[in-house]
Every structure is written in C-alpha cells, then in structure tokens.
Amino acid sequence: MSVSFVVRLSLRVKEKIAHEELSVELQQLKDRLCKHSLENANREDHQRDISESYESRMERLELQLKVTLEKSLLQQREHAKALESQVSAYRRQCLELKNTLNARTRALETMRDRLHQEVMGSNPCQAKSPLSCATHNGTLPLDSVTSSSGLGSSLPHQINTGSPPNQAIDSFHELDAIDSSCGMDKSSNCSSSAAAAGPLLILHLKDRVNELERENARLEIDLETMRINVERYRLMLEAKGVKVPESGLLQLGSISTDDMLMNLTAGSLNGSEENSQEMLLQDRYNKVVSHNAKLEVELTMMKSREQSSSRQQDKAHVRIQELEKQIASMSEMCESQRSSIESYREECGRMQDINNQLTRDNESTNEQLREARANLKRQKSHVQTLQLENERLRVPAVTTDGLFYTNCYLPVVVLAEETMLQRQTKIENELRASRMTCERANQEIEELQGILRDTRRRYKESEAARHAQFEEFTQMESSMIRLGDYVSTIKSEYERLTQENRRLTQENRELVMQLQSLLTQNQELVTETWNRAELQHSEKSLLQ
C-alpha cells in the first residue's frame, strides 16, 4: 500500500517537474516570439525610413537638375537672340555699305562723263568756240574770263569737296555760254592775229603734244587700274547680290588712246585750263580710289564678321540641340528612377502585407500561450493539492527519477537557445550591413549635392566654364548610373532579407507546431494523472 502510494507520489512529482519545464519553455518561446516581432517591426520601420529618405533625395536631385538645365537653356537662348541681333546689325551695315558703294559708283560715272566732256570740249574742231581761239592768240587769257565769270574758283572747289555732279555739269554749261558770248564780240581779232603767230604756235604745239603724250600714257595707266578696280567692285557687288549693268561701269574703257590723243592734240589751245582740271581730277580720282580701297577693306571685315557671327549662331544652335538631347536623356533617367521607386514601393507594400500576416500569426500564438497558461495554472493548482496531500501523509518523495526528464529536456533547450542566438546575431549583422549601406548612400548623396553646388557656382562665375560644366554633368550622369547600380544592389539585399524573413516565418511556424505538440503531450499527461488520481482514490476508498 505504501509502496504504491510512494510510486504514485513520485509520478506526480515527475509530472509536476515536467509541467514546470513546459512552462519555462513556453515562457522562453513567448519571449523569443516577442523579440522576433519587435525586430521585424524595427526592420520594417528602418526600411521605410530608408525608402522615404531615398525618394525625397531623388526628388530634390531631380528638381535641382531641372532648374540648372532650364537656366542653361534660357542663357543659351538669350545668347542666340543676342547673336541674331548682331547679325541683323551686320546686315544693316552691309546694306549701308552697298548703298555707299552704289553712290560712289554713280559719282565715278559722273566724273568719267565730266572727264569725257572736258576732253571732247577741248577740241576746237568740235567745240568751235571763238573764246578758245582768242585765248590761243593771246588776246583774251583764260584767267581773266574765269575771274570775270566767277567760275575759276567754284569749279575746283566743287571737285575737291565732292559736290554733286549735276552742279559741276551746270558750271561747264555756263562756261560754254560765256565762251560763246565772248566769241561773238571778238571774231575779227581771231582772224587778224592768226597769221602773225604761226611759227611760234607750231613750236608751242609740238612741245604741248609731247607733254600731252606723256600725260596720256600716265592717264592710260591710271584708267587701266581704275577699270580693274571697277571690274573688281562690280564682281564683289554681284557676289553680294547687287545687280550692276556693265554699260554703266565699263563705259570708261570705251575711250581709245587714239581718240584721246586726237582730242588732246586738238585741245592744246586750252593748255593751262586743262592742266589745272587734270590735276584736280587726278587728285579727286586718287581720293576716290583710296576711299574705295577703305570701303573694300571694310566690306571684307564686315563679311568676315558676318561669317563669324553665322558660325557662332550655328554653334549655339548645335549647343542648344545637345542640351535638349541631354534634357531628354536626363528625363528618361528620371522616369526610370521613378519606375524603380514605384516598384520599390510595391515591394514595401508586399512586405507590409507579410508583416500584417506575421502580426496575425503572433496574435494567434499569444492566444495559444494564454490557453497554455490557463492550463498550467490549473495543473499548478492540482499539483498544489497533491503536495498538500503529500505533506499530510508525511511520506518522503523520491525525486531521483525526475533527473531523467531534466537531463532529457536540457540539451533540447540549450540547442534551441543556441540556434536562436545564432539567428539573432545573423539578424544583427544584417541590420549593421544595411545601416552601413544606408550611411554610404547618404554620403554619396551628400557628395552629389556638393557636386551640384560646385556646378552652380562655376556656371554663375563665367560662361567660359561651360565645358567644365558639361564634364560635371557627365560625372553626374555616371554617378546616377552608380546610384542605379546601388539601387539594384539594395533590391538584391532587399530580396535576400525577404527570403530570410520567409525562412524565419517558417521557423516560427515550426516552433508553433512544436508548441502545439508539447501542449498535446501536456494534455495527455494531465489526463493520465487525472486517471491515476481517480484510480488511487478508488483504491483508497476500497481499502477504507
């Protein structure tokens, strides 16, 4: 009787020890589940903060890039407008120069006509002026006529000052009228003195002919150079788009040397007047040639300026196209970054769903733990009643057999704790790695912001640093590519973390299954103890 009772008490003690071990294991499992839930929540918060900071920084970078590119485009357009205004000013100056050249050509034509008229008017056979005969005979000098009529000083002044050619032609018409008026009064003196001065006149004419031949050779050379210059100006004007008739410019070359020689030999009577007029015309001709040379130089300069401005405008247009291409490429990169951010957000949503599922699983496990606690409380109360009965009977309890169970359960608990510690260390290492990557990302973003500030400062300093700014843009593009690579690495890390999280969830589920199996075992032990207690009570009643 006593042996059976002792055996039963030992069994009850063993059951009590098993219940205590189960309660300890349940408490440990609960603590570990709480830790896992906290770690998952912290990890999700950290990932959310990383994603938000990355998105905000990417948006700031996009805004800064857009602002800088818009400023550069505005400055390029303003520069192009300034170049267009310069080109229009150059074109207006070219038109003014064309007008001045046309005026100069008209003045040259009028001077040529005047020269032709003077040469033709100096021939006594064609002019038939009594004034010329009188001046040749010495009866009426030309100086007295010019001084009396007031034309000797006005004509050279008009030629030297560049007066209009119509006024000079009118002065020559007035001189012919004076010659005709003087010749009608003095026709008798011309016929009487012509026979007396015959031999002297022949010698004088020979000397005058020699002088005029030398002067004619010089004038021929000057006329040839003038013809070449006029032809050159005509070609230049035709190249500029101004049509000039050849009859107006090349009429100067229609006078042959023989005709000029005949006119000069016939006009030897008006030698002094012709010499003065020829000198004035030669001076005026030299001035016109020099002025035309200056105009030619100005034309070449304006042409070179126009070409340089057109080249600059073309370069500006090409630069604007390049900037537009760069803007398009940067917009494409921004769109790709936005798409990657959207995909990252979707993945964050998936992780949020997984987290919600894990929270639901944790709640279910908490409920199961509560039920297990209630069962343990009931078992504790039952064990306390058994202890009271044991004290009442004062029978020593044999607890040596309980060491078997403790020795069996301790290695399992130690292994579980070691595995959990290893998992915790792995998770902590992963968190440290993610923090380090986030810090590196922050450093790279700060470096990019510094690069952007440097590019702004360089762009504001001078336009000469555009090439350097373009290099900075290329560097920024490469950094954006590096950021894309870094985002891909973050995605891979994120996938790895998701796989680890799935593995942890699977392990949690396995632990929950183990807990359920332990609970079933505990329930079986409770039923067995209850049955044994009932048997003991029945046997006791029978013995009594």
Protein backbone atom coordinates (compact mmCIF):
# COMPACT_ATOMS: atom_id res chain seq x y z
CA MET A 1 0.00 0.00 0.00
CA SER A 2 2.71 2.42 1.00
CA VAL A 3 4.91 1.44 -1.95
CA SER A 4 2.16 2.06 -4.45
CA PHE A 5 1.40 5.37 -2.83
CA VAL A 6 5.05 6.35 -2.98
CA VAL A 7 5.18 5.37 -6.62
CA ARG A 8 2.17 7.48 -7.33
CA LEU A 9 3.63 10.42 -5.49
CA SER A 10 6.86 10.07 -7.44
CA LEU A 11 4.89 10.03 -10.64
CA ARG A 12 3.05 13.16 -9.56
CA VAL A 13 6.32 14.86 -8.71
CA LYS A 14 7.72 13.93 -12.10
CA GLU A 15 4.61 15.31 -13.74
CA LYS A 16 5.00 18.50 -11.74
CA ILE A 17 8.62 18.83 -12.84
CA ALA A 18 7.59 18.22 -16.44
CA HIS A 19 4.87 20.86 -16.14
CA GLU A 20 7.36 23.35 -14.75
CA GLU A 21 9.78 22.64 -17.58
CA LEU A 22 7.00 23.06 -20.09
CA SER A 23 6.00 26.36 -18.52
CA VAL A 24 9.62 27.56 -18.68
CA GLU A 25 9.88 26.53 -22.32
CA LEU A 26 6.61 28.24 -23.11
CA GLN A 27 7.80 31.44 -21.44
CA GLN A 28 11.05 31.31 -23.38
CA LEU A 29 9.20 30.73 -26.64
CA LYS A 30 6.93 33.64 -25.86
CA ASP A 31 9.91 35.91 -25.15
CA ARG A 32 11.58 34.85 -28.38
CA LEU A 33 8.42 35.47 -30.38
CA CYS A 34 8.13 38.94 -28.84
CA LYS A 35 11.75 39.66 -29.72
CA HIS A 36 11.21 38.48 -33.29
CA SER A 37 8.12 40.63 -33.65
CA LEU A 38 9.98 43.67 -32.30
CA GLU A 39 12.92 43.03 -34.60
CA ASN A 40 10.62 42.67 -37.60
CA ALA A 41 8.85 45.92 -36.69
CA ASN A 42 12.18 47.75 -36.28
CA ARG A 43 13.45 46.36 -39.55
CA GLU A 44 10.33 47.44 -41.40
CA ASP A 45 10.50 50.92 -39.85
CA HIS A 46 14.15 51.20 -40.86
CA GLN A 47 13.42 50.08 -44.40
CA ARG A 48 10.53 52.52 -44.61
CA ASP A 49 12.75 55.37 -43.41
CA ILE A 50 15.43 54.41 -45.95
CA SER A 51 12.91 54.33 -48.79
CA GLU A 52 11.39 57.69 -47.79
CA SER A 53 14.78 59.39 -47.45
CA TYR A 54 15.95 57.96 -50.76
CA GLU A 55 12.77 59.13 -52.53
CA SER A 56 13.00 62.62 -51.04
CA ARG A 57 16.66 62.94 -52.02
CA MET A 58 15.96 61.70 -55.53
CA GLU A 59 13.17 64.25 -55.88
CA ARG A 60 15.46 67.05 -54.67
CA LEU A 61 18.14 65.97 -57.14
CA GLU A 62 15.62 65.90 -59.98
CA LEU A 63 14.40 69.39 -59.10
CA GLN A 64 17.95 70.73 -58.93
CA LEU A 65 18.82 69.17 -62.28
CA LYS A 66 15.71 70.60 -63.91
CA VAL A 67 16.41 74.09 -62.54
CA THR A 68 20.03 74.07 -63.71
CA LEU A 69 19.11 72.78 -67.16
CA GLU A 70 16.34 75.36 -67.55
CA LYS A 71 18.73 78.14 -66.55
CA SER A 72 21.33 76.95 -69.06
CA LEU A 73 18.69 76.77 -71.80
CA LEU A 74 17.48 80.29 -71.03
CA GLN A 75 21.02 81.65 -71.16
CA GLN A 76 21.69 79.81 -74.42
CA ARG A 77 18.53 81.25 -75.93
CA GLU A 78 19.42 84.75 -74.77
CA HIS A 79 22.87 84.32 -76.29
CA ALA A 80 21.29 83.15 -79.54
CA LYS A 81 18.99 86.18 -79.55
CA ALA A 82 21.98 88.48 -78.99
CA LEU A 83 23.80 86.79 -81.88
CA GLU A 84 20.75 87.24 -84.09
CA SER A 85 20.59 90.94 -83.21
CA GLN A 86 24.31 91.27 -84.02
CA VAL A 87 23.78 89.52 -87.35
CA SER A 88 20.87 91.83 -88.17
CA ALA A 89 23.06 94.84 -87.28
CA TYR A 90 25.85 93.49 -89.50
CA ARG A 91 23.37 93.04 -92.32
CA ARG A 92 22.14 96.60 -91.95
CA GLN A 93 25.73 97.82 -92.06
CA CYS A 94 26.32 95.75 -95.20
CA LEU A 95 23.27 97.31 -96.82
CA GLU A 96 24.54 100.76 -95.89
CA LEU A 97 27.93 99.92 -97.38
CA LYS A 98 26.24 98.70 -100.54
CA ASN A 99 24.33 101.96 -100.79
CA THR A 100 27.53 103.94 -100.28
CA LEU A 101 29.27 101.85 -102.95
CA ASN A 102 26.41 102.48 -105.35
CA ALA A 103 26.68 106.20 -104.63
CA ARG A 104 30.45 106.04 -105.20
CA THR A 105 30.00 104.21 -108.48
CA ARG A 106 27.49 106.83 -109.61
CA ALA A 107 29.95 109.55 -108.62
CA LEU A 108 32.70 107.79 -110.62
CA GLU A 109 30.40 107.56 -113.62
CA THR A 110 29.61 111.27 -113.40
CA MET A 111 33.31 112.08 -113.06
CA ARG A 112 34.07 109.92 -116.07
CA ASP A 113 31.36 111.73 -118.04
CA ARG A 114 32.80 115.05 -116.96
CA LEU A 115 36.28 113.98 -117.99
CA HIS A 116 34.97 112.78 -121.32
CA GLN A 117 33.08 116.04 -121.85
CA GLU A 118 36.14 118.09 -120.91
CA VAL A 119 38.36 116.13 -123.28
CA MET A 120 35.81 116.39 -126.07
CA GLY A 121 35.17 120.07 -125.31
CA SER A 122 38.86 120.92 -125.56
CA ASN A 123 38.84 120.05 -129.33
CA PRO A 124 38.45 123.32 -131.32
CA CYS A 125 37.05 121.47 -134.33
CA GLN A 126 34.17 120.07 -132.30
CA ALA A 127 33.59 122.95 -129.90
CA LYS A 128 34.12 125.78 -132.46
CA SER A 129 34.34 128.32 -129.67
CA PRO A 130 35.75 131.82 -130.52
CA LEU A 131 36.84 132.04 -126.90
CA SER A 132 39.35 129.24 -127.40
CA CYS A 133 40.79 130.96 -130.48
CA ALA A 134 41.08 134.17 -128.62
CA THR A 135 42.88 132.57 -125.73
CA HIS A 136 45.19 130.77 -128.14
CA ASN A 137 46.12 134.03 -129.90
CA GLY A 138 46.81 135.66 -126.56
CA THR A 139 44.20 138.38 -126.94
CA LEU A 140 41.92 137.08 -124.13
CA PRO A 141 43.50 134.96 -121.43
CA LEU A 142 41.51 132.24 -119.72
CA ASP A 143 42.30 133.58 -116.25
CA SER A 144 40.56 136.84 -116.99
CA VAL A 145 37.47 135.02 -118.26
CA THR A 146 37.26 132.70 -115.28
CA SER A 147 37.87 135.53 -112.86
CA SER A 148 35.27 137.74 -114.53
CA SER A 149 32.64 134.99 -114.64
CA GLY A 150 33.34 133.68 -111.13
CA LEU A 151 33.83 130.05 -112.25
CA GLY A 152 37.56 129.69 -111.82
CA SER A 153 37.24 129.27 -108.11
CA SER A 154 33.89 127.49 -107.93
CA LEU A 155 34.70 124.52 -110.17
CA PRO A 156 37.86 123.33 -108.41
CA HIS A 157 36.12 123.81 -105.08
CA GLN A 158 33.27 121.60 -106.23
CA ILE A 159 35.65 118.92 -107.46
CA ASN A 160 37.73 118.89 -104.29
CA THR A 161 34.82 118.98 -101.87
CA GLY A 162 32.90 116.23 -103.62
CA SER A 163 29.89 118.36 -104.69
CA PRO A 164 27.14 116.68 -106.68
CA PRO A 165 27.98 116.02 -110.31
CA ASN A 166 24.96 117.90 -111.64
CA GLN A 167 26.29 121.20 -110.26
CA ALA A 168 29.67 120.62 -111.99
CA ILE A 169 27.92 119.90 -115.30
CA ASP A 170 25.88 123.12 -114.91
CA SER A 171 29.11 125.06 -114.30
CA PHE A 172 30.60 123.65 -117.51
CA HIS A 173 27.45 124.66 -119.42
CA GLU A 174 27.77 128.18 -118.02
CA LEU A 175 31.43 128.29 -119.15
CA ASP A 176 30.42 127.30 -122.71
CA ALA A 177 27.80 130.04 -122.70
CA ILE A 178 30.39 132.61 -121.62
CA ASP A 179 32.75 131.36 -124.37
CA SER A 180 30.04 131.78 -127.00
CA SER A 181 29.15 135.27 -125.76
CA CYS A 182 32.76 136.40 -125.76
CA GLY A 183 33.44 134.90 -129.20
CA MET A 184 30.69 136.91 -130.92
CA ASP A 185 32.33 140.21 -129.95
CA LYS A 186 35.89 139.30 -130.85
CA SER A 187 35.75 137.26 -134.06
CA SER A 188 37.70 139.88 -136.01
CA ASN A 189 40.71 139.75 -133.68
CA CYS A 190 40.98 135.96 -134.09
CA SER A 191 41.22 136.19 -137.89
CA SER A 192 43.79 139.03 -137.89
CA SER A 193 46.27 137.64 -135.36
CA ALA A 194 46.27 134.00 -136.56
CA ALA A 195 48.66 134.67 -139.48
CA ALA A 196 51.21 136.56 -137.36
CA ALA A 197 51.74 133.92 -134.69
CA GLY A 198 52.05 130.82 -136.99
CA PRO A 199 55.69 129.54 -136.38
CA LEU A 200 55.61 130.15 -132.63
CA LEU A 201 52.32 128.36 -132.41
CA ILE A 202 53.73 125.28 -134.22
CA LEU A 203 56.69 125.01 -131.80
CA HIS A 204 54.42 125.53 -128.84
CA LEU A 205 52.04 122.87 -130.17
CA LYS A 206 54.89 120.34 -130.64
CA ASP A 207 56.04 120.81 -127.05
CA ARG A 208 52.46 120.61 -125.87
CA VAL A 209 51.88 117.42 -127.90
CA ASN A 210 54.92 115.75 -126.30
CA GLU A 211 53.73 116.74 -122.83
CA LEU A 212 50.23 115.51 -123.59
CA GLU A 213 51.58 112.19 -124.91
CA ARG A 214 53.42 111.64 -121.64
CA GLU A 215 50.32 112.68 -119.72
CA ASN A 216 48.22 110.40 -121.91
CA ALA A 217 50.46 107.42 -121.11
CA ARG A 218 50.13 108.16 -117.41
CA LEU A 219 46.37 108.58 -117.72
CA GLU A 220 46.17 105.33 -119.68
CA ILE A 221 47.86 103.50 -116.81
CA ASP A 222 45.54 105.19 -114.30
CA LEU A 223 42.50 104.39 -116.40
CA GLU A 224 43.55 100.76 -116.69
CA THR A 225 43.92 100.48 -112.91
CA MET A 226 40.61 102.27 -112.49
CA ARG A 227 38.95 99.84 -114.93
CA ILE A 228 40.38 96.88 -113.00
CA ASN A 229 39.11 98.33 -109.70
CA VAL A 230 35.68 98.99 -111.17
CA GLU A 231 35.51 95.42 -112.51
CA ARG A 232 36.54 94.11 -109.10
CA TYR A 233 33.85 96.19 -107.37
CA ARG A 234 31.27 95.01 -109.88
CA LEU A 235 32.16 91.36 -109.20
CA MET A 236 32.05 91.98 -105.46
CA LEU A 237 28.63 93.63 -105.70
CA GLU A 238 27.33 90.83 -107.88
CA ALA A 239 28.60 88.34 -105.30
CA LYS A 240 26.69 90.30 -102.67
CA GLY A 241 23.53 90.10 -104.77
CA VAL A 242 23.51 93.66 -106.21
CA LYS A 243 22.99 93.73 -109.99
CA VAL A 244 25.07 96.40 -111.75
CA PRO A 245 24.81 96.98 -115.52
CA GLU A 246 28.10 96.56 -117.34
CA SER A 247 27.38 99.57 -119.55
CA GLY A 248 27.44 101.90 -116.55
CA LEU A 249 30.78 100.71 -115.18
CA LEU A 250 32.72 99.69 -118.26
CA GLN A 251 31.94 102.75 -120.35
CA LEU A 252 35.14 104.24 -119.05
CA GLY A 253 37.15 101.77 -121.11
CA SER A 254 35.39 102.64 -124.37
CA ILE A 255 37.65 105.65 -124.99
CA SER A 256 40.62 104.56 -127.07
CA THR A 257 44.07 106.03 -126.79
CA ASP A 258 43.98 107.38 -130.38
CA ASP A 259 40.79 109.34 -129.72
CA MET A 260 42.24 110.73 -126.53
CA LEU A 261 45.45 111.68 -128.39
CA MET A 262 43.46 113.43 -131.10
CA ASN A 263 41.37 115.25 -128.54
CA LEU A 264 44.44 116.26 -126.56
CA THR A 265 46.37 117.48 -129.64
CA ALA A 266 43.31 119.38 -130.80
CA GLY A 267 42.80 120.89 -127.35
CA SER A 268 46.29 122.36 -126.96
CA LEU A 269 44.88 125.88 -127.01
CA ASN A 270 43.34 125.46 -123.57
CA GLY A 271 46.53 124.03 -122.01
CA SER A 272 46.55 125.87 -118.74
CA GLU A 273 42.87 125.18 -118.07
CA GLU A 274 43.24 121.51 -118.99
CA ASN A 275 46.32 121.10 -116.78
CA SER A 276 44.53 122.57 -113.78
CA GLN A 277 41.43 120.48 -114.41
CA GLU A 278 43.51 117.35 -114.99
CA MET A 279 45.38 117.88 -111.74
CA LEU A 280 42.13 118.39 -109.86
CA LEU A 281 40.60 115.33 -111.48
CA GLN A 282 43.72 113.29 -110.73
CA ASP A 283 43.58 114.31 -107.06
CA ARG A 284 39.90 113.56 -106.92
CA TYR A 285 40.48 110.22 -108.64
CA ASN A 286 43.22 109.28 -106.15
CA LYS A 287 40.92 110.18 -103.25
CA VAL A 288 38.11 108.10 -104.69
CA VAL A 289 40.46 105.13 -105.23
CA SER A 290 41.75 105.34 -101.65
CA HIS A 291 38.23 105.66 -100.32
CA ASN A 292 37.14 102.69 -102.40
CA ALA A 293 40.08 100.67 -101.02
CA LYS A 294 38.96 101.57 -97.50
CA LEU A 295 35.43 100.54 -98.37
CA GLU A 296 36.74 97.26 -99.75
CA VAL A 297 38.64 96.60 -96.52
CA GLU A 298 35.52 97.42 -94.51
CA LEU A 299 33.49 95.10 -96.72
CA THR A 300 35.92 92.24 -96.16
CA MET A 301 35.88 92.91 -92.42
CA MET A 302 32.10 93.00 -92.33
CA LYS A 303 31.94 89.84 -94.40
CA SER A 304 34.31 88.07 -92.01
CA ARG A 305 32.28 89.33 -89.05
CA GLU A 306 29.08 88.11 -90.63
CA GLN A 307 30.64 84.71 -91.29
CA SER A 308 31.95 84.51 -87.72
CA SER A 309 28.53 85.51 -86.34
CA SER A 310 26.84 82.89 -88.53
CA ARG A 311 29.33 80.30 -87.29
CA GLN A 312 28.67 81.34 -83.70
CA GLN A 313 24.93 81.12 -84.33
CA ASP A 314 25.34 77.64 -85.80
CA LYS A 315 27.44 76.59 -82.80
CA ALA A 316 24.81 78.00 -80.44
CA HIS A 317 22.09 76.12 -82.32
CA VAL A 318 24.10 72.89 -82.12
CA ARG A 319 24.74 73.50 -78.42
CA ILE A 320 21.01 74.05 -77.83
CA GLN A 321 20.24 70.79 -79.62
CA GLU A 322 22.85 68.98 -77.50
CA LEU A 323 21.34 70.45 -74.33
CA GLU A 324 17.87 69.37 -75.43
CA LYS A 325 19.19 65.86 -76.03
CA GLN A 326 20.79 65.89 -72.58
CA ILE A 327 17.50 67.06 -71.06
CA ALA A 328 15.67 64.24 -72.84
CA SER A 329 18.20 61.68 -71.58
CA MET A 330 18.02 63.07 -68.03
CA SER A 331 14.20 62.98 -68.17
CA GLU A 332 14.38 59.36 -69.31
CA MET A 333 16.73 58.59 -66.42
CA CYS A 334 14.34 60.33 -64.02
CA GLU A 335 11.43 58.31 -65.41
CA SER A 336 13.40 55.10 -64.93
CA GLN A 337 14.23 56.14 -61.37
CA ARG A 338 10.56 56.88 -60.75
CA SER A 339 9.57 53.48 -62.09
CA SER A 340 12.16 51.83 -59.84
CA ILE A 341 10.84 53.83 -56.88
CA GLU A 342 7.30 52.70 -57.69
CA SER A 343 8.43 49.08 -57.85
CA TYR A 344 10.23 49.60 -54.54
CA ARG A 345 7.01 50.97 -53.07
CA GLU A 346 5.12 47.94 -54.33
CA GLU A 347 7.66 45.69 -52.67
CA CYS A 348 7.29 47.69 -49.47
CA GLY A 349 3.54 47.10 -49.71
CA ARG A 350 4.14 43.39 -50.07
CA MET A 351 6.41 43.46 -47.04
CA GLN A 352 3.70 45.32 -45.14
CA ASP A 353 1.22 42.58 -46.01
CA ILE A 354 3.72 39.97 -44.84
CA ASN A 355 4.19 41.94 -41.64
CA ASN A 356 0.44 42.06 -41.08
CA GLN A 357 0.26 38.33 -41.60
CA LEU A 358 3.08 37.83 -39.11
CA THR A 359 1.30 40.02 -36.59
CA ARG A 360 -1.82 37.92 -37.01
CA ASP A 361 0.24 34.78 -36.51
CA ASN A 362 1.79 36.32 -33.40
CA GLU A 363 -1.66 37.14 -32.05
CA SER A 364 -2.80 33.58 -32.63
CA THR A 365 0.30 32.25 -30.86
CA ASN A 366 -0.35 34.67 -28.00
CA GLU A 367 -3.85 33.31 -27.66
CA GLN A 368 -2.48 29.79 -27.64
CA LEU A 369 0.02 30.83 -24.99
CA ARG A 370 -2.78 32.25 -22.89
CA GLU A 371 -4.64 29.00 -23.12
CA ALA A 372 -1.47 27.13 -22.18
CA ARG A 373 -1.05 29.44 -19.19
CA ALA A 374 -4.56 28.74 -18.07
CA ASN A 375 -3.92 25.03 -18.37
CA LEU A 376 -0.67 25.41 -16.45
CA LYS A 377 -2.47 27.31 -13.71
CA ARG A 378 -4.99 24.55 -13.43
CA GLN A 379 -2.20 21.99 -13.35
CA LYS A 380 -0.37 24.03 -10.70
CA SER A 381 -3.45 24.10 -8.55
CA HIS A 382 -3.83 20.38 -8.96
CA VAL A 383 -0.16 19.86 -8.07
CA GLN A 384 -0.58 22.04 -5.01
CA THR A 385 -3.43 19.89 -3.86
CA LEU A 386 -1.25 16.85 -4.40
CA GLN A 387 1.53 18.47 -2.38
CA LEU A 388 -0.85 19.16 0.43
CA GLU A 389 -1.88 15.55 0.42
CA ASN A 390 1.77 14.55 0.38
CA GLU A 391 2.56 16.72 3.39
CA ARG A 392 -0.45 15.39 5.13
CA LEU A 393 0.67 11.83 4.66
CA ARG A 394 4.33 12.75 5.52
CA VAL A 395 5.74 10.35 3.13
CA PRO A 396 9.18 11.26 1.66
CA ALA A 397 9.03 11.88 -2.04
CA VAL A 398 11.54 10.20 -4.20
CA THR A 399 12.79 12.74 -6.75
CA THR A 400 15.70 10.87 -8.13
CA ASP A 401 13.71 9.63 -11.07
CA GLY A 402 12.97 13.20 -12.16
CA LEU A 403 16.57 13.71 -13.19
CA PHE A 404 15.95 11.58 -16.26
CA TYR A 405 13.44 14.07 -17.61
CA THR A 406 15.57 17.09 -16.77
CA ASN A 407 18.58 15.51 -18.42
CA CYS A 408 16.46 14.77 -21.48
CA TYR A 409 14.97 18.23 -21.86
CA LEU A 410 18.02 20.35 -21.04
CA PRO A 411 20.01 19.61 -24.24
CA VAL A 412 16.98 20.42 -26.38
CA VAL A 413 16.50 23.76 -24.65
CA VAL A 414 20.20 24.59 -24.92
CA LEU A 415 20.24 23.78 -28.63
CA ALA A 416 17.13 25.89 -29.21
CA GLU A 417 18.70 28.79 -27.34
CA GLU A 418 21.92 28.47 -29.32
CA THR A 419 20.04 28.43 -32.62
CA MET A 420 18.02 31.48 -31.59
CA LEU A 421 21.19 33.30 -30.53
CA GLN A 422 22.79 32.49 -33.87
CA ARG A 423 19.75 33.80 -35.68
CA GLN A 424 19.77 36.94 -33.58
CA THR A 425 23.44 37.51 -34.37
CA LYS A 426 22.75 36.99 -38.07
CA ILE A 427 19.88 39.45 -37.99
CA GLU A 428 22.02 41.98 -36.09
CA ASN A 429 24.82 41.62 -38.64
CA GLU A 430 22.35 42.13 -41.47
CA LEU A 431 20.98 45.21 -39.76
CA ARG A 432 24.52 46.57 -39.32
CA ALA A 433 25.24 45.91 -43.00
CA SER A 434 22.02 47.66 -44.03
CA ARG A 435 22.91 50.61 -41.79
CA MET A 436 26.37 50.81 -43.32
CA THR A 437 24.89 50.72 -46.82
CA CYS A 438 22.44 53.45 -45.86
CA GLU A 439 25.28 55.56 -44.47
CA ARG A 440 27.25 55.06 -47.67
CA ALA A 441 24.16 56.05 -49.65
CA ASN A 442 23.82 59.19 -47.54
CA GLN A 443 27.47 60.01 -48.10
CA GLU A 444 27.13 59.52 -51.86
CA ILE A 445 24.02 61.69 -51.95
CA GLU A 446 25.84 64.40 -49.98
CA GLU A 447 28.72 64.16 -52.45
CA LEU A 448 26.26 64.57 -55.31
CA GLN A 449 24.78 67.63 -53.63
CA GLY A 450 28.28 69.06 -53.28
CA ILE A 451 28.92 68.43 -56.96
CA LEU A 452 25.69 70.20 -57.86
CA ARG A 453 26.65 73.20 -55.72
CA ASP A 454 30.05 73.33 -57.42
CA THR A 455 28.45 73.22 -60.86
CA ARG A 456 26.10 76.08 -59.96
CA ARG A 457 28.94 78.23 -58.68
CA ARG A 458 31.06 77.57 -61.76
CA TYR A 459 28.16 78.30 -64.07
CA LYS A 460 27.45 81.64 -62.35
CA GLU A 461 31.09 82.73 -62.44
CA SER A 462 31.56 82.83 -66.23
CA GLU A 463 30.35 81.38 -69.49
CA ALA A 464 33.84 80.16 -70.24
CA ALA A 465 33.35 77.25 -67.82
CA ARG A 466 30.60 75.60 -69.87
CA HIS A 467 32.86 72.82 -70.99
CA ALA A 468 33.76 72.09 -67.38
CA GLN A 469 30.07 72.16 -66.51
CA PHE A 470 29.40 69.64 -69.24
CA GLU A 471 32.06 67.40 -67.73
CA GLU A 472 30.35 67.82 -64.36
CA PHE A 473 27.09 66.78 -65.99
CA THR A 474 28.78 63.67 -67.38
CA GLN A 475 30.15 62.93 -63.92
CA MET A 476 26.69 63.39 -62.51
CA GLU A 477 25.30 61.01 -65.12
CA SER A 478 27.91 58.43 -64.15
CA SER A 479 27.00 58.97 -60.51
CA MET A 480 23.35 58.48 -61.42
CA ILE A 481 24.34 55.23 -63.13
CA ARG A 482 26.22 54.27 -59.98
CA LEU A 483 23.12 55.14 -58.00
CA GLY A 484 21.10 52.89 -60.29
CA ASP A 485 23.59 50.11 -59.65
CA TYR A 486 23.40 50.84 -55.96
CA VAL A 487 19.59 50.67 -56.14
CA SER A 488 19.89 47.30 -57.85
CA THR A 489 22.20 46.12 -55.04
CA ILE A 490 19.70 47.41 -52.49
CA LYS A 491 16.99 45.48 -54.31
CA SER A 492 19.08 42.32 -54.17
CA GLU A 493 19.72 42.94 -50.47
CA TYR A 494 16.01 43.51 -50.01
CA GLU A 495 15.23 40.22 -51.75
CA ARG A 496 17.73 38.46 -49.54
CA LEU A 497 16.12 39.98 -46.46
CA THR A 498 12.71 38.88 -47.68
CA GLN A 499 13.99 35.35 -48.13
CA GLU A 500 15.47 35.46 -44.63
CA ASN A 501 12.18 36.76 -43.30
CA ARG A 502 10.34 33.95 -45.01
CA ARG A 503 12.76 31.47 -43.50
CA LEU A 504 12.20 32.98 -40.08
CA THR A 505 8.46 32.80 -40.53
CA GLN A 506 8.80 29.14 -41.49
CA GLU A 507 10.87 28.51 -38.39
CA ASN A 508 8.31 30.35 -36.29
CA ARG A 509 5.63 28.14 -37.72
CA GLU A 510 7.71 25.08 -36.91
CA LEU A 511 8.15 26.35 -33.37
CA VAL A 512 4.41 26.87 -33.12
CA MET A 513 3.89 23.29 -34.29
CA GLN A 514 6.35 22.09 -31.66
CA LEU A 515 4.48 24.12 -29.07
CA GLN A 516 1.23 22.56 -30.13
CA SER A 517 2.79 19.09 -29.87
CA LEU A 518 4.07 19.94 -26.38
CA LEU A 519 0.63 21.16 -25.44
CA THR A 520 -0.89 17.91 -26.64
CA GLN A 521 1.70 15.97 -24.65
CA ASN A 522 0.90 18.10 -21.63
CA GLN A 523 -2.78 17.43 -22.10
CA GLU A 524 -2.11 13.72 -22.32
CA LEU A 525 -0.03 13.86 -19.13
CA VAL A 526 -2.82 15.75 -17.40
CA THR A 527 -5.35 13.14 -18.44
CA GLU A 528 -3.05 10.35 -17.31
CA THR A 529 -2.50 11.96 -13.91
CA TRP A 530 -6.20 12.54 -13.57
CA ASN A 531 -6.94 8.93 -14.35
CA ARG A 532 -4.25 7.77 -11.95
CA ALA A 533 -5.63 10.04 -9.24
CA GLU A 534 -9.07 8.63 -9.79
CA LEU A 535 -7.70 5.09 -9.60
CA GLN A 536 -5.84 5.95 -6.41
CA HIS A 537 -8.94 7.49 -4.93
CA SER A 538 -10.99 4.45 -5.84
CA GLU A 539 -8.38 2.10 -4.38
CA LYS A 540 -8.23 4.18 -1.21
CA SER A 541 -11.95 4.08 -0.88
CA LEU A 542 -11.92 0.34 -1.38
CA LEU A 543 -9.20 -0.09 1.24
CA GLN A 544 -11.09 2.02 3.69
